[in-house]
Amino acid sequence: MAKRSKKYTCPVCQYQKVERQSVGIWSCKKCDHTFAGGAWEPFTRASDTNNRILRRSVDGATTADMAYIAQEAAMRYERELAEGLHTEEE
Protein backbone atom coordinates (compact mmCIF):
# COMPACT_ATOMS: atom_id res chain seq x y z
CA MET A 1 0.00 0.00 0.00
CA ALA A 2 2.90 2.35 0.65
CA LYS A 3 4.14 1.95 -2.94
CA ARG A 4 0.68 2.62 -4.32
CA SER A 5 0.07 5.87 -2.47
CA LYS A 6 3.62 7.23 -2.83
CA LYS A 7 4.16 10.27 -5.12
CA TYR A 8 6.33 9.47 -8.14
CA THR A 9 8.24 11.66 -10.60
CA CYS A 10 6.50 12.50 -13.87
CA PRO A 11 8.47 11.43 -16.97
CA VAL A 12 7.34 14.60 -18.81
CA CYS A 13 7.49 17.51 -16.34
CA GLN A 14 9.84 15.89 -13.74
CA TYR A 15 7.65 16.93 -10.78
CA GLN A 16 6.69 14.48 -8.04
CA LYS A 17 2.98 14.69 -8.80
CA VAL A 18 2.26 11.26 -10.34
CA GLU A 19 -0.54 9.36 -8.63
CA ARG A 20 -2.25 6.08 -9.38
CA GLN A 21 -5.68 6.41 -11.00
CA SER A 22 -6.46 2.68 -11.13
CA VAL A 23 -4.54 -0.56 -11.63
CA GLY A 24 -1.83 0.19 -14.18
CA ILE A 25 -3.04 3.75 -14.94
CA TRP A 26 -0.92 6.63 -13.65
CA SER A 27 -1.48 10.36 -14.06
CA CYS A 28 0.47 13.52 -13.29
CA LYS A 29 -1.53 16.14 -11.39
CA LYS A 30 0.62 18.98 -12.72
CA CYS A 31 0.77 18.39 -16.49
CA ASP A 32 -2.12 15.88 -16.85
CA HIS A 33 0.15 13.32 -18.55
CA THR A 34 -1.50 9.88 -18.25
CA PHE A 35 0.42 6.70 -18.93
CA ALA A 36 0.38 2.96 -18.33
CA GLY A 37 2.61 1.42 -15.69
CA GLY A 38 2.69 -1.33 -13.14
CA ALA A 39 -0.06 -2.17 -10.69
CA TRP A 40 1.82 -0.84 -7.66
CA GLU A 41 4.51 1.37 -9.21
CA PRO A 42 4.43 3.47 -12.39
CA PHE A 43 7.71 2.08 -13.71
CA THR A 44 8.39 -1.65 -13.92
CA ARG A 45 11.62 -3.53 -14.63
CA ALA A 46 10.36 -4.17 -18.16
CA SER A 47 9.75 -0.46 -18.75
CA ASP A 48 13.25 0.31 -17.42
CA THR A 49 14.71 -2.23 -19.84
CA ASN A 50 12.72 -0.82 -22.75
CA ASN A 51 13.85 2.71 -21.93
CA ARG A 52 17.47 1.54 -21.76
CA ILE A 53 17.15 -0.17 -25.18
CA LEU A 54 15.58 2.93 -26.71
CA ARG A 55 18.25 5.18 -25.22
CA ARG A 56 21.02 2.93 -26.58
CA SER A 57 19.49 2.98 -30.05
CA VAL A 58 19.45 6.78 -29.97
CA ASP A 59 22.72 7.44 -28.12
CA GLY A 60 24.70 4.57 -29.61
CA ALA A 61 26.41 1.65 -27.93
CA THR A 62 27.84 2.00 -24.43
CA THR A 63 31.24 0.75 -23.28
CA ALA A 64 29.64 -2.42 -21.91
CA ASP A 65 27.92 -3.00 -25.24
CA MET A 66 31.20 -2.59 -27.10
CA ALA A 67 32.96 -5.03 -24.72
CA TYR A 68 30.20 -7.58 -25.29
CA ILE A 69 30.43 -7.15 -29.08
CA ALA A 70 34.22 -7.58 -28.96
CA GLN A 71 33.89 -10.70 -26.80
CA GLU A 72 31.34 -12.22 -29.20
CA ALA A 73 33.60 -11.45 -32.17
CA ALA A 74 36.59 -13.04 -30.43
CA MET A 75 34.61 -16.19 -29.63
CA ARG A 76 33.35 -16.41 -33.22
CA TYR A 77 36.92 -16.01 -34.51
CA GLU A 78 38.18 -18.76 -32.19
CA ARG A 79 35.39 -21.11 -33.37
CA GLU A 80 36.15 -20.40 -37.02
CA LEU A 81 39.86 -20.89 -36.38
CA ALA A 82 39.22 -24.21 -34.62
CA GLU A 83 36.97 -25.38 -37.44
CA GLY A 84 39.58 -24.35 -40.02
CA LEU A 85 42.36 -26.22 -38.18
CA HIS A 86 40.09 -29.23 -37.76
CA THR A 87 39.40 -29.43 -41.50
CA GLU A 88 43.11 -28.99 -42.37
CA GLU A 89 44.13 -31.92 -40.15
CA GLU A 90 41.80 -34.35 -41.94
C-alpha atoms as a PDB file:
ATOM      1  CA  MET A   1       0.000   0.000   0.000  1.00  0.00           C
ATOM      2  CA  ALA A   2       2.903   2.352   0.648  1.00  0.00           C
ATOM      3  CA  LYS A   3       4.141   1.950  -2.943  1.00  0.00           C
ATOM      4  CA  ARG A   4       0.676   2.616  -4.322  1.00  0.00           C
ATOM      5  CA  SER A   5       0.067   5.874  -2.470  1.00  0.00           C
ATOM      6  CA  LYS A   6       3.619   7.234  -2.833  1.00  0.00           C
ATOM      7  CA  LYS A   7       4.158  10.267  -5.122  1.00  0.00           C
ATOM      8  CA  TYR A   8       6.327   9.470  -8.143  1.00  0.00           C
ATOM      9  CA  THR A   9       8.240  11.662 -10.596  1.00  0.00           C
ATOM     10  CA  CYS A  10       6.497  12.497 -13.869  1.00  0.00           C
ATOM     11  CA  PRO A  11       8.467  11.428 -16.972  1.00  0.00           C
ATOM     12  CA  VAL A  12       7.335  14.598 -18.813  1.00  0.00           C
ATOM     13  CA  CYS A  13       7.494  17.509 -16.341  1.00  0.00           C
ATOM     14  CA  GLN A  14       9.839  15.892 -13.736  1.00  0.00           C
ATOM     15  CA  TYR A  15       7.650  16.935 -10.778  1.00  0.00           C
ATOM     16  CA  GLN A  16       6.689  14.478  -8.040  1.00  0.00           C
ATOM     17  CA  LYS A  17       2.985  14.685  -8.797  1.00  0.00           C
ATOM     18  CA  VAL A  18       2.259  11.261 -10.342  1.00  0.00           C
ATOM     19  CA  GLU A  19      -0.545   9.361  -8.635  1.00  0.00           C
ATOM     20  CA  ARG A  20      -2.247   6.080  -9.377  1.00  0.00           C
ATOM     21  CA  GLN A  21      -5.684   6.410 -10.997  1.00  0.00           C
ATOM     22  CA  SER A  22      -6.459   2.681 -11.133  1.00  0.00           C
ATOM     23  CA  VAL A  23      -4.544  -0.563 -11.631  1.00  0.00           C
ATOM     24  CA  GLY A  24      -1.831   0.194 -14.183  1.00  0.00           C
ATOM     25  CA  ILE A  25      -3.043   3.753 -14.943  1.00  0.00           C
ATOM     26  CA  TRP A  26      -0.922   6.628 -13.652  1.00  0.00           C
ATOM     27  CA  SER A  27      -1.482  10.363 -14.057  1.00  0.00           C
ATOM     28  CA  CYS A  28       0.472  13.525 -13.290  1.00  0.00           C
ATOM     29  CA  LYS A  29      -1.529  16.136 -11.393  1.00  0.00           C
ATOM     30  CA  LYS A  30       0.621  18.985 -12.720  1.00  0.00           C
ATOM     31  CA  CYS A  31       0.769  18.391 -16.487  1.00  0.00           C
ATOM     32  CA  ASP A  32      -2.125  15.879 -16.852  1.00  0.00           C
ATOM     33  CA  HIS A  33       0.146  13.324 -18.547  1.00  0.00           C
ATOM     34  CA  THR A  34      -1.499   9.885 -18.251  1.00  0.00           C
ATOM     35  CA  PHE A  35       0.420   6.703 -18.933  1.00  0.00           C
ATOM     36  CA  ALA A  36       0.381   2.962 -18.325  1.00  0.00           C
ATOM     37  CA  GLY A  37       2.605   1.421 -15.688  1.00  0.00           C
ATOM     38  CA  GLY A  38       2.686  -1.328 -13.140  1.00  0.00           C
ATOM     39  CA  ALA A  39      -0.060  -2.168 -10.692  1.00  0.00           C
ATOM     40  CA  TRP A  40       1.825  -0.837  -7.663  1.00  0.00           C
ATOM     41  CA  GLU A  41       4.509   1.367  -9.214  1.00  0.00           C
ATOM     42  CA  PRO A  42       4.427   3.467 -12.389  1.00  0.00           C
ATOM     43  CA  PHE A  43       7.710   2.081 -13.706  1.00  0.00           C
ATOM     44  CA  THR A  44       8.387  -1.645 -13.922  1.00  0.00           C
ATOM     45  CA  ARG A  45      11.617  -3.527 -14.631  1.00  0.00           C
ATOM     46  CA  ALA A  46      10.355  -4.166 -18.155  1.00  0.00           C
ATOM     47  CA  SER A  47       9.753  -0.462 -18.749  1.00  0.00           C
ATOM     48  CA  ASP A  48      13.246   0.314 -17.424  1.00  0.00           C
ATOM     49  CA  THR A  49      14.712  -2.225 -19.844  1.00  0.00           C
ATOM     50  CA  ASN A  50      12.722  -0.822 -22.752  1.00  0.00           C
ATOM     51  CA  ASN A  51      13.849   2.710 -21.933  1.00  0.00           C
ATOM     52  CA  ARG A  52      17.470   1.542 -21.764  1.00  0.00           C
ATOM     53  CA  ILE A  53      17.149  -0.169 -25.176  1.00  0.00           C
ATOM     54  CA  LEU A  54      15.581   2.934 -26.706  1.00  0.00           C
ATOM     55  CA  ARG A  55      18.254   5.177 -25.218  1.00  0.00           C
ATOM     56  CA  ARG A  56      21.020   2.933 -26.580  1.00  0.00           C
ATOM     57  CA  SER A  57      19.491   2.976 -30.049  1.00  0.00           C
ATOM     58  CA  VAL A  58      19.450   6.779 -29.966  1.00  0.00           C
ATOM     59  CA  ASP A  59      22.724   7.443 -28.125  1.00  0.00           C
ATOM     60  CA  GLY A  60      24.702   4.565 -29.607  1.00  0.00           C
ATOM     61  CA  ALA A  61      26.407   1.654 -27.929  1.00  0.00           C
ATOM     62  CA  THR A  62      27.838   1.997 -24.428  1.00  0.00           C
ATOM     63  CA  THR A  63      31.238   0.752 -23.276  1.00  0.00           C
ATOM     64  CA  ALA A  64      29.644  -2.418 -21.906  1.00  0.00           C
ATOM     65  CA  ASP A  65      27.919  -3.001 -25.244  1.00  0.00           C
ATOM     66  CA  MET A  66      31.205  -2.592 -27.098  1.00  0.00           C
ATOM     67  CA  ALA A  67      32.956  -5.029 -24.718  1.00  0.00           C
ATOM     68  CA  TYR A  68      30.197  -7.584 -25.295  1.00  0.00           C
ATOM     69  CA  ILE A  69      30.431  -7.148 -29.078  1.00  0.00           C
ATOM     70  CA  ALA A  70      34.215  -7.580 -28.962  1.00  0.00           C
ATOM     71  CA  GLN A  71      33.892 -10.699 -26.800  1.00  0.00           C
ATOM     72  CA  GLU A  72      31.344 -12.222 -29.203  1.00  0.00           C
ATOM     73  CA  ALA A  73      33.604 -11.448 -32.172  1.00  0.00           C
ATOM     74  CA  ALA A  74      36.592 -13.045 -30.433  1.00  0.00           C
ATOM     75  CA  MET A  75      34.614 -16.192 -29.631  1.00  0.00           C
ATOM     76  CA  ARG A  76      33.349 -16.405 -33.216  1.00  0.00           C
ATOM     77  CA  TYR A  77      36.919 -16.008 -34.506  1.00  0.00           C
ATOM     78  CA  GLU A  78      38.176 -18.759 -32.192  1.00  0.00           C
ATOM     79  CA  ARG A  79      35.388 -21.106 -33.369  1.00  0.00           C
ATOM     80  CA  GLU A  80      36.150 -20.404 -37.015  1.00  0.00           C
ATOM     81  CA  LEU A  81      39.855 -20.893 -36.383  1.00  0.00           C
ATOM     82  CA  ALA A  82      39.217 -24.208 -34.617  1.00  0.00           C
ATOM     83  CA  GLU A  83      36.971 -25.377 -37.442  1.00  0.00           C
ATOM     84  CA  GLY A  84      39.579 -24.351 -40.022  1.00  0.00           C
ATOM     85  CA  LEU A  85      42.356 -26.224 -38.184  1.00  0.00           C
ATOM     86  CA  HIS A  86      40.092 -29.232 -37.757  1.00  0.00           C
ATOM     87  CA  THR A  87      39.404 -29.434 -41.497  1.00  0.00           C
ATOM     88  CA  GLU A  88      43.110 -28.986 -42.374  1.00  0.00           C
ATOM     89  CA  GLU A  89      44.133 -31.923 -40.151  1.00  0.00           C
ATOM     90  CA  GLU A  90      41.801 -34.346 -41.940  1.00  0.00           C
END
